[in-house]
């Protein structure tokens, strides 16, 4: 089992930047593919960005060229660098870990609020 703790959320003006971090513990980090999801009020949770054990990434179209996901296996941490933030990026952001051999084995962090507003 793995525990995930997100940090780095907050209030930022449109056009600003934030970097979210997700620290993992309790298991071998490198057996998990990692992802960032978000959920805005009244909307379904959606995948924002994902990174495999090998470093392959993918993004939802609305954040391409603005967000960058990365992982530091030595620190058991995954990051989401968010630039050029827009009000529509406002949501609770959740870290997700999925066992690479069986995606039914998945874990979630508690979430961190990101608010983009002037």
Protein backbone atom coordinates (compact mmCIF):
# COMPACT_ATOMS: atom_id res chain seq x y z
CA UNK A 1 0.00 0.00 0.00
CA UNK A 2 1.16 3.55 -0.70
CA UNK A 3 0.33 6.81 1.03
CA UNK A 4 0.22 10.01 -1.02
CA UNK A 5 0.47 13.53 0.35
CA UNK A 6 -0.04 16.52 -1.94
CA UNK A 7 1.22 20.03 -1.32
CA UNK A 8 1.71 23.28 -3.18
CA UNK A 9 -1.83 24.40 -3.86
CA UNK A 10 -3.08 27.90 -3.19
CA UNK A 11 -4.48 31.09 -4.65
CA UNK A 12 -2.84 32.52 -7.74
CA UNK A 13 -3.73 35.22 -10.24
CA UNK A 14 -4.51 34.38 -13.86
CA UNK A 15 -1.28 33.93 -15.78
CA UNK A 16 0.58 32.84 -12.67
CA UNK A 17 2.31 29.59 -11.82
CA UNK A 18 2.19 26.92 -9.14
CA UNK A 19 4.06 23.69 -8.59
CA UNK A 20 2.25 20.82 -6.93
CA UNK A 21 4.14 18.04 -5.21
CA UNK A 22 3.00 14.57 -4.23
CA UNK A 23 5.17 12.63 -1.83
CA UNK A 24 4.70 8.86 -1.75
CA UNK A 25 5.54 6.49 1.07
CA UNK A 26 4.86 2.96 2.20
CA UNK A 27 5.77 1.10 -0.96
CA UNK A 28 8.24 0.96 -3.81
CA UNK A 29 7.60 4.15 -5.77
CA UNK A 30 8.92 2.85 -9.07
CA UNK A 31 6.24 0.19 -9.44
CA UNK A 32 3.58 2.86 -9.85
CA UNK A 33 2.47 4.92 -12.78
CA UNK A 34 1.51 8.34 -11.42
CA UNK A 35 -1.11 10.88 -12.32
CA UNK A 36 -2.66 14.18 -11.39
CA UNK A 37 -6.44 14.53 -11.52
CA UNK A 38 -8.65 17.50 -10.74
CA UNK A 39 -12.24 18.03 -9.77
CA UNK A 40 -14.02 21.36 -10.04
CA UNK A 41 -17.31 22.04 -8.22
CA UNK A 42 -20.19 20.30 -9.97
CA UNK A 43 -17.90 18.49 -12.40
CA UNK A 44 -16.50 14.99 -12.67
CA UNK A 45 -12.93 14.25 -11.72
CA UNK A 46 -10.70 14.33 -14.79
CA UNK A 47 -7.19 13.20 -15.57
CA UNK A 48 -4.90 16.18 -16.07
CA UNK A 49 -1.52 14.55 -16.61
CA UNK A 50 0.11 11.17 -16.17
CA UNK A 51 3.61 9.76 -16.15
CA UNK A 52 4.63 6.13 -16.40
CA UNK A 53 7.41 4.39 -14.51
CA UNK A 54 9.59 4.94 -17.55
CA UNK A 55 8.82 8.63 -17.79
CA UNK A 56 6.34 8.63 -20.65
CA UNK A 57 3.82 11.44 -20.21
CA UNK A 58 0.40 12.40 -21.47
CA UNK A 59 -1.84 15.40 -20.86
CA UNK A 60 -5.43 16.44 -21.28
CA UNK A 61 -5.69 18.82 -24.21
CA UNK A 62 -6.65 21.87 -22.15
CA UNK A 63 -3.33 21.88 -20.26
CA UNK A 64 -0.89 20.88 -22.99
CA UNK A 65 1.98 23.35 -23.32
CA UNK A 66 1.08 24.87 -19.93
CA UNK A 67 1.50 22.01 -17.43
CA UNK A 68 4.42 19.64 -17.01
CA UNK A 69 4.38 16.43 -15.00
CA UNK A 70 7.63 14.94 -13.75
CA UNK A 71 8.82 12.45 -11.18
CA UNK A 72 11.89 12.11 -9.00
CA UNK A 73 12.22 8.44 -8.12
CA UNK A 74 15.03 9.15 -5.67
CA UNK A 75 12.66 11.37 -3.67
CA UNK A 76 9.51 9.28 -4.22
CA UNK A 77 7.81 12.41 -5.48
CA UNK A 78 5.79 13.44 -8.49
CA UNK A 79 5.36 17.08 -9.51
CA UNK A 80 2.97 19.12 -11.57
CA UNK A 81 4.35 22.42 -12.80
CA UNK A 82 1.45 24.64 -13.81
CA UNK A 83 2.12 27.78 -15.84
CA UNK A 84 -0.15 30.34 -17.49
CA UNK A 85 -2.93 29.40 -15.12
CA UNK A 86 -6.50 30.22 -16.04
CA UNK A 87 -9.63 30.59 -13.88
CA UNK A 88 -10.94 27.35 -15.41
CA UNK A 89 -7.99 25.51 -13.85
CA UNK A 90 -9.56 26.13 -10.44
CA UNK A 91 -10.19 22.75 -8.81
CA UNK A 92 -9.07 20.33 -6.16
CA UNK A 93 -6.06 18.49 -7.53
CA UNK A 94 -5.50 14.87 -6.55
CA UNK A 95 -2.43 12.70 -6.86
CA UNK A 96 -2.97 9.13 -8.03
CA UNK A 97 -0.76 6.05 -8.04
CA UNK A 98 -1.56 2.95 -10.06
CA UNK A 99 0.32 -0.31 -9.89
CA UNK A 100 1.82 -0.71 -13.35
CA UNK A 101 0.85 -4.40 -13.64
CA UNK A 102 -2.75 -3.96 -12.51
CA UNK A 103 -4.44 -0.57 -12.73
CA UNK A 104 -7.23 -1.81 -10.46
CA UNK A 105 -4.75 -1.34 -7.65
CA UNK A 106 -4.83 2.42 -7.20
CA UNK A 107 -4.35 4.97 -4.43
CA UNK A 108 -5.35 8.60 -3.97
CA UNK A 109 -4.06 11.54 -2.03
CA UNK A 110 -6.32 13.82 -0.03
CA UNK A 111 -6.24 16.62 -2.60
CA UNK A 112 -4.97 20.19 -2.66
CA UNK A 113 -7.01 23.23 -3.64
CA UNK A 114 -5.88 25.39 -6.55
CA UNK A 115 -7.76 28.66 -7.05
CA UNK A 116 -7.03 30.94 -9.98
CA UNK A 117 -8.61 34.32 -9.48
CA UNK A 118 -7.83 38.01 -9.60
